[in-house]
Amino acid sequence: MSLQARPLRAVICDPDLLNQAALAHAAERAGFEVVERVENGPRALASVERLAPSLLLLANELSGMLGEEVVRLLRGPDPHAHSTEPEVEIVLVGTDPSMRDRAMADGASAVVPRGNVEALDRVLAEIRTYLETGERRTSADRRAGEERRRGQDWSKVTSERRGGDDRRNAGRRDSETSSLLDDLADS
């Protein structure tokens, strides 16, 4: 049973119609119903107030107002007080890596680099889980996972698998090797 009383509804904000469609598709893939698409910050603010979505997925590069400004206006002077009731999860998508820390400090739920579909899908899945269960993974949890993935020597993993050193198949390989050695000994 879901702890969440509100439906999973999303507002998409991006000035480019193709980007709107891509963001809407990502939200729908994660199980959100896209209730409105808008092209600028003031319309995003009005949509959040009028529709009370559970997710606002917006670009940082907006005409007239940055997505970061939308975050600040929605969260108010104390980003941890969450002035929007019920709380809306805000995911900011952008090309400027320097805005991540500012946006998170201002109260964004997550910041995803534009074009990184895998990261966006992961963040939206985490937000959906949080909305359904109340269990939130922190950005520190996400960073720890990213650090583990970056620290993994993927070339070694690939060469181990190519060379037959994949531990998952070790038992099967041992019996196959034994069988081949038995065949050779019999001939």
N, C-alpha and C. Protein backbone atom coordinates (compact mmCIF):
# COMPACT_ATOMS: atom_id res chain seq x y z
N MET A 1 0.84 -1.18 0.00
CA MET A 1 0.00 0.00 0.00
C MET A 1 0.88 1.23 0.00
N SER A 2 0.51 2.21 -0.81
CA SER A 2 1.28 3.43 -0.95
C SER A 2 0.99 4.40 0.19
N LEU A 3 2.06 5.01 0.70
CA LEU A 3 1.90 6.02 1.73
C LEU A 3 1.47 7.35 1.13
N GLN A 4 1.60 7.48 -0.15
CA GLN A 4 1.35 8.74 -0.81
C GLN A 4 -0.13 8.89 -1.14
N ALA A 5 -0.73 10.01 -0.71
CA ALA A 5 -2.14 10.25 -0.98
C ALA A 5 -2.34 10.88 -2.35
N ARG A 6 -1.39 11.69 -2.78
CA ARG A 6 -1.51 12.37 -4.07
C ARG A 6 -1.08 11.46 -5.21
N PRO A 7 -1.70 11.64 -6.36
CA PRO A 7 -1.24 10.89 -7.52
C PRO A 7 0.14 11.41 -7.96
N LEU A 8 0.86 10.59 -8.69
CA LEU A 8 2.17 10.98 -9.21
C LEU A 8 1.95 11.85 -10.45
N ARG A 9 1.93 13.15 -10.23
CA ARG A 9 1.66 14.10 -11.33
C ARG A 9 2.85 15.01 -11.51
N ALA A 10 3.14 15.35 -12.77
CA ALA A 10 4.33 16.15 -13.08
C ALA A 10 3.98 17.34 -13.96
N VAL A 11 4.68 18.44 -13.71
CA VAL A 11 4.67 19.60 -14.59
C VAL A 11 6.06 19.67 -15.21
N ILE A 12 6.11 19.87 -16.52
CA ILE A 12 7.36 19.95 -17.27
C ILE A 12 7.56 21.39 -17.71
N CYS A 13 8.76 21.92 -17.51
CA CYS A 13 9.06 23.29 -17.92
C CYS A 13 10.36 23.33 -18.69
N ASP A 14 10.26 23.64 -19.98
CA ASP A 14 11.43 23.79 -20.85
C ASP A 14 10.99 24.66 -22.02
N PRO A 15 11.81 25.63 -22.44
CA PRO A 15 11.41 26.50 -23.55
C PRO A 15 11.40 25.78 -24.90
N ASP A 16 12.08 24.67 -25.03
CA ASP A 16 12.17 23.95 -26.28
C ASP A 16 11.14 22.81 -26.30
N LEU A 17 10.31 22.75 -27.32
CA LEU A 17 9.25 21.74 -27.40
C LEU A 17 9.81 20.31 -27.46
N LEU A 18 10.93 20.12 -28.16
CA LEU A 18 11.52 18.78 -28.22
C LEU A 18 12.04 18.35 -26.85
N ASN A 19 12.66 19.28 -26.13
CA ASN A 19 13.12 18.96 -24.78
C ASN A 19 11.94 18.70 -23.86
N GLN A 20 10.87 19.47 -24.02
CA GLN A 20 9.65 19.22 -23.23
C GLN A 20 9.18 17.79 -23.44
N ALA A 21 9.15 17.38 -24.71
CA ALA A 21 8.67 16.03 -25.04
C ALA A 21 9.59 14.97 -24.42
N ALA A 22 10.91 15.20 -24.48
CA ALA A 22 11.85 14.24 -23.92
C ALA A 22 11.71 14.15 -22.40
N LEU A 23 11.56 15.29 -21.73
CA LEU A 23 11.39 15.30 -20.28
C LEU A 23 10.06 14.65 -19.90
N ALA A 24 9.02 14.94 -20.67
CA ALA A 24 7.71 14.34 -20.40
C ALA A 24 7.78 12.82 -20.55
N HIS A 25 8.48 12.37 -21.57
CA HIS A 25 8.62 10.93 -21.79
C HIS A 25 9.35 10.28 -20.62
N ALA A 26 10.41 10.92 -20.13
CA ALA A 26 11.15 10.38 -18.99
C ALA A 26 10.25 10.31 -17.75
N ALA A 27 9.47 11.36 -17.52
CA ALA A 27 8.56 11.37 -16.36
C ALA A 27 7.52 10.26 -16.49
N GLU A 28 6.98 10.08 -17.67
CA GLU A 28 5.97 9.03 -17.89
C GLU A 28 6.58 7.64 -17.72
N ARG A 29 7.82 7.47 -18.19
CA ARG A 29 8.51 6.19 -18.02
C ARG A 29 8.65 5.85 -16.54
N ALA A 30 8.84 6.88 -15.73
CA ALA A 30 9.01 6.67 -14.29
C ALA A 30 7.67 6.52 -13.57
N GLY A 31 6.57 6.64 -14.29
CA GLY A 31 5.27 6.42 -13.68
C GLY A 31 4.50 7.68 -13.31
N PHE A 32 4.99 8.84 -13.76
CA PHE A 32 4.29 10.10 -13.48
C PHE A 32 3.32 10.42 -14.62
N GLU A 33 2.21 11.02 -14.26
CA GLU A 33 1.27 11.54 -15.26
C GLU A 33 1.66 13.00 -15.50
N VAL A 34 1.97 13.35 -16.74
CA VAL A 34 2.32 14.73 -17.07
C VAL A 34 1.02 15.52 -17.23
N VAL A 35 0.81 16.48 -16.33
CA VAL A 35 -0.45 17.23 -16.32
C VAL A 35 -0.35 18.55 -17.05
N GLU A 36 0.89 19.05 -17.24
CA GLU A 36 1.04 20.29 -17.99
C GLU A 36 2.49 20.45 -18.43
N ARG A 37 2.64 21.08 -19.62
CA ARG A 37 3.95 21.45 -20.13
C ARG A 37 3.94 22.96 -20.33
N VAL A 38 4.97 23.61 -19.80
CA VAL A 38 5.07 25.07 -19.93
C VAL A 38 6.47 25.42 -20.40
N GLU A 39 6.63 26.68 -20.84
CA GLU A 39 7.90 27.08 -21.44
C GLU A 39 8.72 28.08 -20.64
N ASN A 40 8.20 28.59 -19.52
CA ASN A 40 8.98 29.57 -18.77
C ASN A 40 8.70 29.48 -17.27
N GLY A 41 9.54 30.18 -16.51
CA GLY A 41 9.46 30.14 -15.05
C GLY A 41 8.15 30.61 -14.46
N PRO A 42 7.65 31.80 -14.88
CA PRO A 42 6.39 32.27 -14.31
C PRO A 42 5.22 31.29 -14.53
N ARG A 43 5.19 30.67 -15.71
CA ARG A 43 4.13 29.69 -15.96
C ARG A 43 4.33 28.43 -15.12
N ALA A 44 5.58 28.06 -14.87
CA ALA A 44 5.86 26.90 -14.00
C ALA A 44 5.38 27.19 -12.59
N LEU A 45 5.66 28.39 -12.08
CA LEU A 45 5.21 28.77 -10.74
C LEU A 45 3.69 28.72 -10.64
N ALA A 46 3.02 29.26 -11.65
CA ALA A 46 1.55 29.27 -11.66
C ALA A 46 1.00 27.84 -11.73
N SER A 47 1.63 27.00 -12.54
CA SER A 47 1.17 25.61 -12.67
C SER A 47 1.32 24.84 -11.37
N VAL A 48 2.44 25.05 -10.67
CA VAL A 48 2.65 24.36 -9.40
C VAL A 48 1.60 24.80 -8.39
N GLU A 49 1.32 26.09 -8.36
CA GLU A 49 0.31 26.59 -7.42
C GLU A 49 -1.09 26.07 -7.77
N ARG A 50 -1.42 26.05 -9.04
CA ARG A 50 -2.76 25.66 -9.48
C ARG A 50 -2.99 24.15 -9.44
N LEU A 51 -1.97 23.36 -9.84
CA LEU A 51 -2.17 21.92 -10.03
C LEU A 51 -1.62 21.06 -8.89
N ALA A 52 -0.77 21.64 -8.04
CA ALA A 52 -0.14 20.90 -6.92
C ALA A 52 0.44 19.56 -7.37
N PRO A 53 1.36 19.57 -8.36
CA PRO A 53 1.97 18.31 -8.81
C PRO A 53 2.92 17.77 -7.75
N SER A 54 3.26 16.51 -7.87
CA SER A 54 4.25 15.94 -6.97
C SER A 54 5.66 16.16 -7.52
N LEU A 55 5.78 16.52 -8.80
CA LEU A 55 7.08 16.70 -9.44
C LEU A 55 7.06 17.91 -10.37
N LEU A 56 8.08 18.74 -10.27
CA LEU A 56 8.34 19.79 -11.25
C LEU A 56 9.68 19.46 -11.88
N LEU A 57 9.66 19.17 -13.16
CA LEU A 57 10.86 18.82 -13.91
C LEU A 57 11.14 19.99 -14.83
N LEU A 58 12.20 20.77 -14.52
CA LEU A 58 12.41 21.98 -15.30
C LEU A 58 13.84 22.18 -15.72
N ALA A 59 13.98 22.87 -16.85
CA ALA A 59 15.29 23.25 -17.36
C ALA A 59 15.79 24.44 -16.56
N ASN A 60 17.09 24.55 -16.46
CA ASN A 60 17.65 25.74 -15.81
C ASN A 60 17.68 26.91 -16.78
N GLU A 61 17.90 26.61 -18.05
CA GLU A 61 18.01 27.66 -19.06
C GLU A 61 16.62 28.04 -19.57
N LEU A 62 16.00 28.99 -18.89
CA LEU A 62 14.68 29.48 -19.27
C LEU A 62 14.78 30.94 -19.66
N SER A 63 13.89 31.42 -20.51
CA SER A 63 13.92 32.82 -20.88
C SER A 63 13.28 33.66 -19.77
N GLY A 64 13.96 34.72 -19.39
CA GLY A 64 13.42 35.63 -18.39
C GLY A 64 13.70 35.24 -16.95
N MET A 65 13.85 33.97 -16.66
CA MET A 65 14.05 33.51 -15.29
C MET A 65 14.74 32.15 -15.34
N LEU A 66 15.82 32.01 -14.62
CA LEU A 66 16.50 30.72 -14.56
C LEU A 66 15.70 29.71 -13.74
N GLY A 67 15.89 28.44 -14.02
CA GLY A 67 15.25 27.40 -13.22
C GLY A 67 15.64 27.50 -11.76
N GLU A 68 16.90 27.91 -11.50
CA GLU A 68 17.35 28.11 -10.12
C GLU A 68 16.47 29.12 -9.39
N GLU A 69 16.07 30.17 -10.10
CA GLU A 69 15.20 31.19 -9.49
C GLU A 69 13.83 30.61 -9.17
N VAL A 70 13.32 29.74 -10.03
CA VAL A 70 12.04 29.08 -9.77
C VAL A 70 12.15 28.27 -8.48
N VAL A 71 13.26 27.54 -8.33
CA VAL A 71 13.48 26.75 -7.12
C VAL A 71 13.44 27.66 -5.90
N ARG A 72 14.19 28.77 -5.95
CA ARG A 72 14.24 29.70 -4.80
C ARG A 72 12.85 30.25 -4.48
N LEU A 73 12.09 30.60 -5.50
CA LEU A 73 10.76 31.17 -5.26
C LEU A 73 9.80 30.13 -4.68
N LEU A 74 9.90 28.90 -5.14
CA LEU A 74 9.03 27.85 -4.61
C LEU A 74 9.39 27.47 -3.18
N ARG A 75 10.68 27.45 -2.88
CA ARG A 75 11.12 27.02 -1.56
C ARG A 75 11.12 28.15 -0.55
N GLY A 76 11.18 29.39 -0.99
CA GLY A 76 11.16 30.51 -0.05
C GLY A 76 12.52 30.76 0.57
N PRO A 77 12.57 31.64 1.57
CA PRO A 77 13.86 32.01 2.16
C PRO A 77 14.56 30.86 2.89
N ASP A 78 13.80 29.92 3.43
CA ASP A 78 14.39 28.76 4.09
C ASP A 78 14.07 27.54 3.23
N PRO A 79 15.04 27.08 2.41
CA PRO A 79 14.76 25.98 1.48
C PRO A 79 14.32 24.70 2.16
N HIS A 80 14.62 24.54 3.44
CA HIS A 80 14.25 23.32 4.14
C HIS A 80 12.86 23.42 4.75
N ALA A 81 12.25 24.62 4.69
CA ALA A 81 10.90 24.80 5.22
C ALA A 81 9.86 24.39 4.18
N HIS A 82 10.23 24.35 2.91
CA HIS A 82 9.34 23.97 1.81
C HIS A 82 8.01 24.72 1.87
N SER A 83 8.02 25.90 1.24
CA SER A 83 6.84 26.75 1.28
C SER A 83 5.69 26.20 0.44
N THR A 84 5.94 25.29 -0.48
CA THR A 84 4.85 24.74 -1.28
C THR A 84 4.19 23.61 -0.52
N GLU A 85 2.89 23.68 -0.37
CA GLU A 85 2.14 22.63 0.32
C GLU A 85 1.10 22.09 -0.63
N PRO A 86 1.00 20.82 -0.86
CA PRO A 86 1.98 19.82 -0.43
C PRO A 86 3.29 20.01 -1.18
N GLU A 87 4.34 19.46 -0.63
CA GLU A 87 5.68 19.64 -1.19
C GLU A 87 5.77 19.10 -2.61
N VAL A 88 6.43 19.86 -3.45
CA VAL A 88 6.68 19.40 -4.81
C VAL A 88 8.16 19.06 -4.90
N GLU A 89 8.46 17.92 -5.50
CA GLU A 89 9.85 17.54 -5.75
C GLU A 89 10.30 18.29 -7.01
N ILE A 90 11.44 18.95 -6.92
CA ILE A 90 11.91 19.76 -8.05
C ILE A 90 13.20 19.15 -8.58
N VAL A 91 13.17 18.77 -9.86
CA VAL A 91 14.36 18.26 -10.53
C VAL A 91 14.76 19.27 -11.58
N LEU A 92 15.95 19.79 -11.45
CA LEU A 92 16.48 20.79 -12.36
C LEU A 92 17.39 20.10 -13.37
N VAL A 93 17.21 20.42 -14.65
CA VAL A 93 18.02 19.85 -15.72
C VAL A 93 18.79 20.99 -16.36
N GLY A 94 20.10 20.86 -16.46
CA GLY A 94 20.87 21.96 -17.02
C GLY A 94 22.19 21.55 -17.61
N THR A 95 22.83 22.52 -18.25
CA THR A 95 24.12 22.28 -18.89
C THR A 95 25.29 22.86 -18.09
N ASP A 96 25.01 23.70 -17.12
CA ASP A 96 26.05 24.37 -16.33
C ASP A 96 26.33 23.57 -15.06
N PRO A 97 27.48 22.87 -15.00
CA PRO A 97 27.76 22.04 -13.83
C PRO A 97 27.92 22.85 -12.54
N SER A 98 28.25 24.14 -12.65
CA SER A 98 28.46 24.95 -11.45
C SER A 98 27.15 25.27 -10.73
N MET A 99 26.03 25.10 -11.38
CA MET A 99 24.75 25.44 -10.74
C MET A 99 24.24 24.35 -9.80
N ARG A 100 24.83 23.17 -9.86
CA ARG A 100 24.33 22.05 -9.06
C ARG A 100 24.30 22.36 -7.56
N ASP A 101 25.43 22.80 -7.01
CA ASP A 101 25.49 23.07 -5.57
C ASP A 101 24.55 24.19 -5.17
N ARG A 102 24.49 25.24 -5.99
CA ARG A 102 23.57 26.36 -5.69
C ARG A 102 22.13 25.88 -5.67
N ALA A 103 21.75 25.13 -6.69
CA ALA A 103 20.36 24.67 -6.79
C ALA A 103 20.00 23.73 -5.65
N MET A 104 20.91 22.86 -5.28
CA MET A 104 20.64 21.95 -4.17
C MET A 104 20.52 22.73 -2.86
N ALA A 105 21.37 23.73 -2.67
CA ALA A 105 21.28 24.57 -1.47
C ALA A 105 19.97 25.36 -1.44
N ASP A 106 19.46 25.70 -2.61
CA ASP A 106 18.20 26.45 -2.69
C ASP A 106 16.98 25.55 -2.52
N GLY A 107 17.17 24.23 -2.49
CA GLY A 107 16.06 23.34 -2.23
C GLY A 107 15.64 22.43 -3.36
N ALA A 108 16.43 22.36 -4.44
CA ALA A 108 16.10 21.41 -5.51
C ALA A 108 16.25 20.00 -4.96
N SER A 109 15.39 19.11 -5.38
CA SER A 109 15.48 17.71 -4.96
C SER A 109 16.65 17.01 -5.62
N ALA A 110 16.93 17.41 -6.87
CA ALA A 110 18.04 16.82 -7.62
C ALA A 110 18.38 17.73 -8.78
N VAL A 111 19.62 17.62 -9.26
CA VAL A 111 20.07 18.34 -10.45
C VAL A 111 20.68 17.30 -11.37
N VAL A 112 20.24 17.30 -12.62
CA VAL A 112 20.68 16.30 -13.58
C VAL A 112 21.26 17.02 -14.80
N PRO A 113 22.42 16.58 -15.29
CA PRO A 113 22.97 17.18 -16.51
C PRO A 113 22.06 16.92 -17.70
N ARG A 114 21.84 17.95 -18.51
CA ARG A 114 21.00 17.79 -19.71
C ARG A 114 21.60 16.70 -20.60
N GLY A 115 20.75 15.83 -21.07
CA GLY A 115 21.19 14.77 -21.97
C GLY A 115 21.59 13.48 -21.28
N ASN A 116 21.69 13.48 -19.97
CA ASN A 116 22.07 12.27 -19.25
C ASN A 116 20.80 11.50 -18.86
N VAL A 117 20.31 10.73 -19.81
CA VAL A 117 19.04 10.02 -19.66
C VAL A 117 19.10 9.02 -18.51
N GLU A 118 20.23 8.33 -18.38
CA GLU A 118 20.37 7.34 -17.31
C GLU A 118 20.25 7.99 -15.93
N ALA A 119 20.92 9.13 -15.75
CA ALA A 119 20.85 9.83 -14.46
C ALA A 119 19.44 10.34 -14.20
N LEU A 120 18.79 10.87 -15.22
CA LEU A 120 17.43 11.36 -15.07
C LEU A 120 16.49 10.23 -14.69
N ASP A 121 16.60 9.11 -15.37
CA ASP A 121 15.75 7.95 -15.05
C ASP A 121 15.97 7.49 -13.61
N ARG A 122 17.25 7.46 -13.19
CA ARG A 122 17.56 7.02 -11.83
C ARG A 122 16.97 7.98 -10.79
N VAL A 123 17.12 9.29 -11.02
CA VAL A 123 16.60 10.28 -10.08
C VAL A 123 15.08 10.22 -10.02
N LEU A 124 14.43 10.10 -11.16
CA LEU A 124 12.96 10.04 -11.17
C LEU A 124 12.46 8.77 -10.48
N ALA A 125 13.16 7.66 -10.65
CA ALA A 125 12.78 6.43 -9.95
C ALA A 125 12.94 6.60 -8.44
N GLU A 126 14.02 7.26 -8.02
CA GLU A 126 14.23 7.50 -6.59
C GLU A 126 13.14 8.40 -6.02
N ILE A 127 12.76 9.42 -6.77
CA ILE A 127 11.70 10.32 -6.30
C ILE A 127 10.38 9.58 -6.22
N ARG A 128 10.09 8.77 -7.21
CA ARG A 128 8.84 7.99 -7.16
C ARG A 128 8.84 7.09 -5.93
N THR A 129 9.95 6.40 -5.68
CA THR A 129 10.05 5.55 -4.49
C THR A 129 9.81 6.36 -3.23
N TYR A 130 10.43 7.52 -3.15
CA TYR A 130 10.24 8.37 -1.98
C TYR A 130 8.76 8.77 -1.82
N LEU A 131 8.13 9.17 -2.91
CA LEU A 131 6.73 9.59 -2.83
C LEU A 131 5.81 8.44 -2.44
N GLU A 132 6.18 7.24 -2.82
CA GLU A 132 5.35 6.08 -2.50
C GLU A 132 5.62 5.50 -1.12
N THR A 133 6.87 5.58 -0.67
CA THR A 133 7.23 4.91 0.58
C THR A 133 7.65 5.85 1.70
N GLY A 134 8.05 7.06 1.34
CA GLY A 134 8.55 8.00 2.34
C GLY A 134 10.03 7.81 2.63
N GLU A 135 10.68 6.87 1.96
CA GLU A 135 12.12 6.63 2.15
C GLU A 135 12.90 7.37 1.10
N ARG A 136 13.72 8.31 1.55
CA ARG A 136 14.50 9.12 0.62
C ARG A 136 15.96 8.75 0.68
N ARG A 137 16.54 8.55 -0.51
CA ARG A 137 18.00 8.42 -0.60
C ARG A 137 18.56 9.83 -0.65
N THR A 138 19.58 10.06 0.12
CA THR A 138 20.19 11.38 0.15
C THR A 138 21.16 11.54 -1.01
N SER A 139 21.52 12.79 -1.28
CA SER A 139 22.50 13.02 -2.33
C SER A 139 23.83 12.38 -1.95
N ALA A 140 24.11 12.28 -0.65
CA ALA A 140 25.34 11.61 -0.21
C ALA A 140 25.28 10.13 -0.58
N ASP A 141 24.10 9.50 -0.45
CA ASP A 141 23.94 8.10 -0.87
C ASP A 141 24.20 7.96 -2.36
N ARG A 142 23.63 8.89 -3.15
CA ARG A 142 23.81 8.84 -4.60
C ARG A 142 25.28 9.04 -4.96
N ARG A 143 25.93 10.03 -4.30
CA ARG A 143 27.35 10.29 -4.59
C ARG A 143 28.20 9.09 -4.22
N ALA A 144 27.89 8.42 -3.11
CA ALA A 144 28.66 7.24 -2.71
C ALA A 144 28.53 6.15 -3.77
N GLY A 145 27.34 5.95 -4.29
CA GLY A 145 27.14 4.97 -5.36
C GLY A 145 27.90 5.35 -6.61
N GLU A 146 27.88 6.65 -6.95
CA GLU A 146 28.62 7.12 -8.12
C GLU A 146 30.11 6.92 -7.92
N GLU A 147 30.61 7.20 -6.71
CA GLU A 147 32.03 7.01 -6.42
C GLU A 147 32.42 5.54 -6.55
N ARG A 148 31.55 4.64 -6.06
CA ARG A 148 31.83 3.21 -6.19
C ARG A 148 31.91 2.81 -7.66
N ARG A 149 30.96 3.32 -8.46
CA ARG A 149 30.97 2.98 -9.89
C ARG A 149 32.21 3.55 -10.58
N ARG A 150 32.59 4.80 -10.24
CA ARG A 150 33.78 5.41 -10.84
C ARG A 150 35.05 4.69 -10.40
N GLY A 151 35.08 4.20 -9.15
CA GLY A 151 36.25 3.54 -8.61
C GLY A 151 36.46 2.14 -9.16
N GLN A 152 35.41 1.56 -9.71
CA GLN A 152 35.50 0.20 -10.26
C GLN A 152 36.39 0.22 -11.49
N ASP A 153 37.30 -0.72 -11.58
CA ASP A 153 38.16 -0.84 -12.75
C ASP A 153 37.39 -1.66 -13.79
N TRP A 154 36.60 -0.95 -14.62
CA TRP A 154 35.73 -1.62 -15.57
C TRP A 154 36.51 -2.36 -16.65
N SER A 155 37.69 -1.89 -16.99
CA SER A 155 38.47 -2.60 -18.00
C SER A 155 38.87 -3.98 -17.48
N LYS A 156 39.17 -4.06 -16.19
CA LYS A 156 39.53 -5.34 -15.59
C LYS A 156 38.32 -6.29 -15.59
N VAL A 157 37.15 -5.74 -15.25
CA VAL A 157 35.94 -6.56 -15.24
C VAL A 157 35.68 -7.12 -16.62
N THR A 158 35.80 -6.26 -17.64
CA THR A 158 35.55 -6.69 -19.01
C THR A 158 36.56 -7.75 -19.43
N SER A 159 37.85 -7.52 -19.13
CA SER A 159 38.85 -8.50 -19.55
C SER A 159 38.70 -9.81 -18.78
N GLU A 160 38.29 -9.73 -17.50
CA GLU A 160 38.06 -10.96 -16.74
C GLU A 160 36.94 -11.77 -17.39
N ARG A 161 35.89 -11.08 -17.78
CA ARG A 161 34.77 -11.80 -18.40
C ARG A 161 35.16 -12.36 -19.75
N ARG A 162 35.92 -11.59 -20.52
CA ARG A 162 36.37 -12.08 -21.82
C ARG A 162 37.29 -13.28 -21.66
N GLY A 163 38.12 -13.24 -20.63
CA GLY A 163 39.07 -14.32 -20.40
C GLY A 163 38.47 -15.49 -19.65
N GLY A 164 37.19 -15.39 -19.33
CA GLY A 164 36.53 -16.49 -18.64
C GLY A 164 36.68 -16.45 -17.14
N ASP A 165 37.09 -15.30 -16.59
CA ASP A 165 37.28 -15.20 -15.15
C ASP A 165 36.06 -14.61 -14.45
N ASP A 166 34.91 -14.73 -15.03
CA ASP A 166 33.69 -14.20 -14.43
C ASP A 166 33.30 -15.10 -13.26
N ARG A 167 33.34 -14.57 -12.04
CA ARG A 167 33.07 -15.37 -10.84
C ARG A 167 31.65 -15.95 -10.82
N ARG A 168 30.72 -15.29 -11.49
CA ARG A 168 29.34 -15.79 -11.48
C ARG A 168 29.24 -17.15 -12.15
N ASN A 169 30.12 -17.44 -13.08
CA ASN A 169 30.06 -18.72 -13.81
C ASN A 169 31.15 -19.68 -13.39
N ALA A 170 31.81 -19.40 -12.27
CA ALA A 170 32.97 -20.19 -11.85
C ALA A 170 32.61 -21.66 -11.66
N GLY A 171 31.50 -21.97 -11.01
CA GLY A 171 31.11 -23.36 -10.76
C GLY A 171 30.86 -24.11 -12.05
N ARG A 172 30.16 -23.47 -12.96
CA ARG A 172 29.85 -24.12 -14.24
C ARG A 172 31.13 -24.34 -15.04
N ARG A 173 32.02 -23.37 -15.02
CA ARG A 173 33.24 -23.45 -15.78
C ARG A 173 34.13 -24.58 -15.23
N ASP A 174 34.16 -24.70 -13.89
CA ASP A 174 34.97 -25.76 -13.30
C ASP A 174 34.48 -27.13 -13.75
N SER A 175 33.19 -27.34 -13.79
CA SER A 175 32.68 -28.65 -14.21
C SER A 175 32.91 -28.86 -15.70
N GLU A 176 32.81 -27.76 -16.49
CA GLU A 176 33.08 -27.89 -17.93
C GLU A 176 34.54 -28.22 -18.16
N THR A 177 35.43 -27.56 -17.42
CA THR A 177 36.87 -27.82 -17.54
C THR A 177 37.18 -29.25 -17.16
N SER A 178 36.59 -29.70 -16.06
CA SER A 178 36.81 -31.09 -15.61
C SER A 178 36.34 -32.06 -16.67
N SER A 179 35.19 -31.77 -17.28
CA SER A 179 34.64 -32.64 -18.31
C SER A 179 35.57 -32.67 -19.52
N LEU A 180 36.10 -31.54 -19.93
CA LEU A 180 37.01 -31.49 -21.07
C LEU A 180 38.30 -32.25 -20.76
N LEU A 181 38.82 -32.06 -19.54
CA LEU A 181 40.04 -32.76 -19.16
C LEU A 181 39.80 -34.27 -19.14
N ASP A 182 38.63 -34.71 -18.67
CA ASP A 182 38.30 -36.13 -18.68
C ASP A 182 38.25 -36.66 -20.09
N ASP A 183 37.63 -35.88 -21.01
CA ASP A 183 37.56 -36.28 -22.42
C ASP A 183 38.93 -36.42 -23.03
N LEU A 184 39.81 -35.46 -22.72
CA LEU A 184 41.17 -35.52 -23.26
C LEU A 184 41.93 -36.73 -22.70
N ALA A 185 41.72 -37.03 -21.43
CA ALA A 185 42.42 -38.15 -20.81
C ALA A 185 41.95 -39.48 -21.39
N ASP A 186 40.65 -39.54 -21.78
CA ASP A 186 40.11 -40.78 -22.35
C ASP A 186 40.58 -41.02 -23.77
N SER A 187 40.99 -39.96 -24.48
CA SER A 187 41.36 -40.15 -25.90
C SER A 187 42.80 -40.48 -26.11
